[in-house]
Amino acid sequence: MKIKKIIKYILLALVVMAISYNAFENDSELEVNASGLSEQEILANVDALKKLEAAETSAIEEKIQAVQLEISKSEEERSLQVKSHKNGFRKAFESVVFMGDSQAEPLSLYGYADSSSVVASKGRNVISAKDDVKKAASLSPQKIVMLYGVNDLLLFKTTEDFISHYRALIESVRIEIPRAEIYVNSVYPVKESVIEKKPLFKRSGDFNEALVSMCSDMGITYIDSTHLIKENPDYYAADGIHFKAQYYPAWLDFLMAQIGIQEKK
């Protein structure tokens, strides 16, 4: 683009010279302007520069179009890869039901799991989640992954109360879906800026220690996924509590190894 500007400046200078020539020419046919060029030569140079400008502009436009085409192809390929990845996750987790709160709910919203595989909603805690047990049972899952805690941190005064109600929730699931394998995901920490405003959120570590003990007592699997967020703080959404879309495939990749399933093509 700089070349195009330079050519335009030269053209402008030559045009000015041509005008100056006409303004100050005298009767002598041999007289030339201050540049030493005749009017005819100046006009010829102007014409040559116009052609050069057109050629340079055409070359630049072709390069721009080539780059845009590459970008378009890359975006299309990435879109197809993401779509294929999502399809693989949906197939891999088709016999799994996710029970949880607003941290689990986006699994289906972002297309990483079918809506029939997600029984989760905003504001859910281990008390209100009992209302979801029959719905989960109607889906006849082979495995259940539970993700609760972010709302419970503000609800319960003690870890004992939290664990007591979580136990009751799991027992309800066992009664309704006796053959399903149950996995309890860790409570995720929130960003420090959130804790500063609501200190109760800082107890996620205490809640997780209690969950480890509970799962051991009940003979179910505890899955610690907290490293995903600690190692990748960019996964946090703007509110510092929920997660961006990029978090979910990372979580599902990790879960597959933990609960013994593979991505299907």
Foldseek 3Di string as FASTA:
>chain_A
DVVLVVLVVVLVVLVVLLVVCVVPPDPDPPDDDPVPDHSVVSVVVSVVSVVVSVVVVVVVVVVVVVVVVVVVVVVVVVVVVVVLQLVLQQVQCVLEAEEEEPQQVCCVVLSNYPPLRYHYYHPDALQVSLVCLLSVLVSQHQEYEYAHDQNVLVVDPDLVVRLVSNVVSVVSNCVSRVNHAYEYEAHEQFDPVVCVVPVSSVCSVVNRVVVVVSCVVVVHHYHYPRVLCVVPVVQADPVRRHGDPVSVSVVSVVVCVVVPTDGDD
